[in-house]
């Protein structure tokens, strides 16, 4: 199983902060995962419509969206972090 974690407006649009899903097929990238989730429609489609506005972490390490998920335990999706 793979844990998906959502933060900020991504979480608000989807409606929950975490979920479990079956591990994706080998070679699946974070971008592929985002497309699969967006295809669910509803809040997923709204939150994930523009992947360029998203950042990701695999097992708590920031990664580009073209990173292969591999045997990760967790993928987090969130908007870009801003300073303040």
N, C-alpha and C. Protein backbone atom coordinates (compact mmCIF):
# COMPACT_ATOMS: atom_id res chain seq x y z
N UNK A 1 0.83 -1.19 0.00
CA UNK A 1 0.00 0.00 0.00
C UNK A 1 0.88 1.26 0.00
N UNK A 2 0.33 2.30 -0.59
CA UNK A 2 1.00 3.58 -0.66
C UNK A 2 0.12 4.60 0.07
N UNK A 3 0.73 5.39 0.94
CA UNK A 3 0.01 6.44 1.65
C UNK A 3 0.15 7.73 0.87
N UNK A 4 -0.97 8.38 0.62
CA UNK A 4 -0.99 9.69 -0.04
C UNK A 4 -1.36 10.72 1.02
N UNK A 5 -0.60 11.80 1.08
CA UNK A 5 -0.84 12.86 2.06
C UNK A 5 -1.03 14.17 1.30
N UNK A 6 -2.05 14.93 1.70
CA UNK A 6 -2.38 16.18 1.02
C UNK A 6 -2.30 17.34 2.02
N UNK A 7 -1.81 18.49 1.56
CA UNK A 7 -1.65 19.66 2.42
C UNK A 7 -2.31 20.89 1.81
N UNK A 8 -2.67 21.85 2.67
CA UNK A 8 -3.18 23.17 2.31
C UNK A 8 -4.40 23.06 1.41
N UNK A 9 -4.47 23.87 0.33
CA UNK A 9 -5.66 23.87 -0.51
C UNK A 9 -5.85 22.56 -1.26
N UNK A 10 -4.80 21.77 -1.42
CA UNK A 10 -4.96 20.44 -2.04
C UNK A 10 -5.85 19.60 -1.13
N UNK A 11 -5.54 19.59 0.15
CA UNK A 11 -6.33 18.84 1.14
C UNK A 11 -7.77 19.37 1.18
N UNK A 12 -7.92 20.69 1.18
CA UNK A 12 -9.25 21.27 1.26
C UNK A 12 -10.11 20.90 0.06
N UNK A 13 -9.53 20.90 -1.12
CA UNK A 13 -10.29 20.55 -2.33
C UNK A 13 -10.65 19.08 -2.37
N UNK A 14 -9.71 18.23 -1.97
CA UNK A 14 -9.95 16.78 -2.02
C UNK A 14 -10.90 16.35 -0.92
N UNK A 15 -10.80 17.01 0.24
CA UNK A 15 -11.73 16.71 1.33
C UNK A 15 -11.17 15.83 2.43
N UNK A 16 -9.92 15.44 2.32
CA UNK A 16 -9.28 14.70 3.41
C UNK A 16 -7.77 14.86 3.30
N UNK A 17 -7.09 14.57 4.40
CA UNK A 17 -5.65 14.84 4.43
C UNK A 17 -4.78 13.64 4.10
N UNK A 18 -5.36 12.45 4.07
CA UNK A 18 -4.56 11.25 3.84
C UNK A 18 -5.45 10.12 3.33
N UNK A 19 -4.86 9.25 2.54
CA UNK A 19 -5.56 8.04 2.09
C UNK A 19 -4.55 6.98 1.70
N UNK A 20 -5.02 5.77 1.61
CA UNK A 20 -4.20 4.64 1.18
C UNK A 20 -4.67 4.21 -0.20
N UNK A 21 -3.72 3.76 -1.02
CA UNK A 21 -4.08 3.21 -2.31
C UNK A 21 -3.13 2.06 -2.64
N UNK A 22 -3.54 1.24 -3.57
CA UNK A 22 -2.67 0.16 -4.03
C UNK A 22 -1.42 0.78 -4.65
N UNK A 23 -0.32 0.09 -4.48
CA UNK A 23 0.94 0.57 -5.05
C UNK A 23 0.82 0.64 -6.57
N UNK A 24 1.25 1.76 -7.16
CA UNK A 24 1.16 1.88 -8.62
C UNK A 24 2.12 0.92 -9.33
N UNK A 25 1.90 0.73 -10.61
CA UNK A 25 2.75 -0.16 -11.39
C UNK A 25 4.17 0.38 -11.45
N UNK A 26 5.15 -0.50 -11.63
CA UNK A 26 6.54 -0.05 -11.72
C UNK A 26 6.70 0.99 -12.84
N UNK A 27 7.51 1.99 -12.57
CA UNK A 27 7.76 3.04 -13.55
C UNK A 27 6.83 4.22 -13.44
N UNK A 28 5.81 4.13 -12.59
CA UNK A 28 4.86 5.23 -12.42
C UNK A 28 5.56 6.41 -11.76
N UNK A 29 5.38 7.59 -12.35
CA UNK A 29 5.96 8.80 -11.80
C UNK A 29 4.92 9.52 -10.94
N UNK A 30 5.38 10.52 -10.21
CA UNK A 30 4.45 11.35 -9.44
C UNK A 30 3.46 12.02 -10.39
N UNK A 31 3.92 12.50 -11.54
CA UNK A 31 3.02 13.12 -12.52
C UNK A 31 1.95 12.14 -12.99
N UNK A 32 2.33 10.88 -13.21
CA UNK A 32 1.36 9.85 -13.60
C UNK A 32 0.32 9.66 -12.50
N UNK A 33 0.79 9.63 -11.26
CA UNK A 33 -0.11 9.47 -10.12
C UNK A 33 -1.09 10.64 -10.05
N UNK A 34 -0.60 11.85 -10.21
CA UNK A 34 -1.45 13.04 -10.19
C UNK A 34 -2.53 12.93 -11.27
N UNK A 35 -2.16 12.50 -12.47
CA UNK A 35 -3.13 12.35 -13.56
C UNK A 35 -4.19 11.31 -13.21
N UNK A 36 -3.76 10.21 -12.62
CA UNK A 36 -4.69 9.15 -12.22
C UNK A 36 -5.67 9.67 -11.17
N UNK A 37 -5.15 10.39 -10.19
CA UNK A 37 -6.02 10.93 -9.14
C UNK A 37 -6.97 11.98 -9.70
N UNK A 38 -6.48 12.86 -10.57
CA UNK A 38 -7.32 13.90 -11.16
C UNK A 38 -8.48 13.30 -11.95
N UNK A 39 -8.25 12.13 -12.56
CA UNK A 39 -9.28 11.46 -13.34
C UNK A 39 -10.44 10.97 -12.48
N UNK A 40 -10.27 10.96 -11.16
CA UNK A 40 -11.36 10.58 -10.26
C UNK A 40 -12.49 11.61 -10.30
N UNK A 41 -12.16 12.83 -10.74
CA UNK A 41 -13.16 13.89 -10.82
C UNK A 41 -13.34 14.60 -9.49
N UNK A 42 -14.37 15.41 -9.41
CA UNK A 42 -14.71 16.14 -8.19
C UNK A 42 -13.56 16.97 -7.65
N UNK A 43 -13.37 16.91 -6.35
CA UNK A 43 -12.31 17.66 -5.69
C UNK A 43 -10.92 17.29 -6.17
N UNK A 44 -10.73 16.03 -6.56
CA UNK A 44 -9.43 15.61 -7.09
C UNK A 44 -9.12 16.38 -8.37
N UNK A 45 -10.09 16.43 -9.28
CA UNK A 45 -9.89 17.13 -10.54
C UNK A 45 -9.61 18.60 -10.30
N UNK A 46 -10.32 19.18 -9.36
CA UNK A 46 -10.13 20.60 -9.04
C UNK A 46 -8.74 20.85 -8.47
N UNK A 47 -8.33 20.05 -7.50
CA UNK A 47 -7.04 20.26 -6.83
C UNK A 47 -5.86 19.95 -7.72
N UNK A 48 -6.01 18.99 -8.61
CA UNK A 48 -4.87 18.47 -9.36
C UNK A 48 -4.90 18.85 -10.84
N UNK A 49 -5.77 19.78 -11.20
CA UNK A 49 -5.95 20.15 -12.61
C UNK A 49 -4.68 20.73 -13.23
N UNK A 50 -3.88 21.44 -12.45
CA UNK A 50 -2.68 22.07 -12.98
C UNK A 50 -1.45 21.60 -12.20
N UNK A 51 -0.84 20.49 -12.62
CA UNK A 51 0.30 19.95 -11.88
C UNK A 51 1.45 20.95 -11.71
N UNK A 52 1.55 21.95 -12.59
CA UNK A 52 2.61 22.95 -12.46
C UNK A 52 2.47 23.74 -11.16
N UNK A 53 1.29 23.73 -10.56
CA UNK A 53 1.05 24.44 -9.30
C UNK A 53 1.26 23.54 -8.09
N UNK A 54 1.79 22.35 -8.29
CA UNK A 54 1.97 21.39 -7.20
C UNK A 54 3.44 21.10 -6.94
N UNK A 55 3.71 20.71 -5.74
CA UNK A 55 5.01 20.19 -5.35
C UNK A 55 4.76 18.82 -4.74
N UNK A 56 5.82 18.00 -4.71
CA UNK A 56 5.66 16.64 -4.19
C UNK A 56 6.84 16.25 -3.33
N UNK A 57 6.58 15.30 -2.46
CA UNK A 57 7.63 14.68 -1.67
C UNK A 57 7.37 13.18 -1.66
N UNK A 58 8.44 12.42 -1.78
CA UNK A 58 8.38 10.97 -1.66
C UNK A 58 9.14 10.62 -0.39
N UNK A 59 8.45 9.95 0.51
CA UNK A 59 9.04 9.59 1.81
C UNK A 59 9.75 10.79 2.44
N UNK A 60 9.04 11.93 2.43
CA UNK A 60 9.45 13.18 3.07
C UNK A 60 10.68 13.84 2.45
N UNK A 61 10.93 13.58 1.17
CA UNK A 61 12.00 14.24 0.43
C UNK A 61 11.39 14.91 -0.78
N UNK A 62 11.65 16.21 -0.94
CA UNK A 62 11.14 16.93 -2.10
C UNK A 62 11.68 16.29 -3.38
N UNK A 63 10.78 16.13 -4.37
CA UNK A 63 11.16 15.52 -5.64
C UNK A 63 10.46 16.25 -6.79
N UNK A 64 11.06 16.22 -7.99
CA UNK A 64 10.35 16.72 -9.17
C UNK A 64 9.21 15.77 -9.53
N UNK A 65 8.22 16.28 -10.24
CA UNK A 65 7.05 15.47 -10.57
C UNK A 65 7.36 14.32 -11.52
N UNK A 66 8.51 14.35 -12.20
CA UNK A 66 8.86 13.25 -13.11
C UNK A 66 9.61 12.12 -12.39
N UNK A 67 9.65 12.17 -11.07
CA UNK A 67 10.33 11.14 -10.27
C UNK A 67 9.48 9.87 -10.22
N UNK A 68 10.12 8.72 -10.42
CA UNK A 68 9.45 7.42 -10.31
C UNK A 68 9.18 7.13 -8.83
N UNK A 69 7.97 6.69 -8.53
CA UNK A 69 7.56 6.43 -7.14
C UNK A 69 8.29 5.22 -6.57
N UNK A 70 8.50 4.20 -7.37
CA UNK A 70 9.24 3.03 -6.92
C UNK A 70 8.59 2.36 -5.72
N UNK A 71 9.41 2.03 -4.72
CA UNK A 71 8.89 1.31 -3.55
C UNK A 71 8.62 2.25 -2.37
N UNK A 72 8.34 3.50 -2.66
CA UNK A 72 8.05 4.49 -1.62
C UNK A 72 6.88 4.05 -0.75
N UNK A 73 6.88 4.53 0.47
CA UNK A 73 5.78 4.28 1.39
C UNK A 73 4.78 5.43 1.39
N UNK A 74 5.27 6.66 1.04
CA UNK A 74 4.42 7.83 1.13
C UNK A 74 4.71 8.81 0.00
N UNK A 75 3.65 9.39 -0.55
CA UNK A 75 3.76 10.50 -1.49
C UNK A 75 2.91 11.63 -0.94
N UNK A 76 3.50 12.82 -0.82
CA UNK A 76 2.78 14.00 -0.35
C UNK A 76 2.64 14.98 -1.50
N UNK A 77 1.48 15.61 -1.58
CA UNK A 77 1.21 16.63 -2.61
C UNK A 77 0.78 17.91 -1.91
N UNK A 78 1.35 19.03 -2.36
CA UNK A 78 1.07 20.31 -1.70
C UNK A 78 1.39 21.45 -2.65
N UNK A 79 0.87 22.64 -2.35
CA UNK A 79 1.22 23.81 -3.16
C UNK A 79 2.65 24.24 -2.86
N UNK A 80 3.22 25.09 -3.70
CA UNK A 80 4.56 25.58 -3.43
C UNK A 80 4.61 26.25 -2.06
N UNK A 81 5.71 26.05 -1.37
CA UNK A 81 5.89 26.65 -0.05
C UNK A 81 6.34 28.09 -0.24
N UNK A 82 5.72 28.98 0.50
CA UNK A 82 6.11 30.38 0.42
C UNK A 82 6.67 30.85 1.75
N UNK A 83 7.55 31.79 1.69
CA UNK A 83 8.13 32.35 2.92
C UNK A 83 7.26 33.46 3.46
N UNK A 84 7.59 33.90 4.66
CA UNK A 84 6.78 34.98 5.19
C UNK A 84 7.37 35.63 6.38
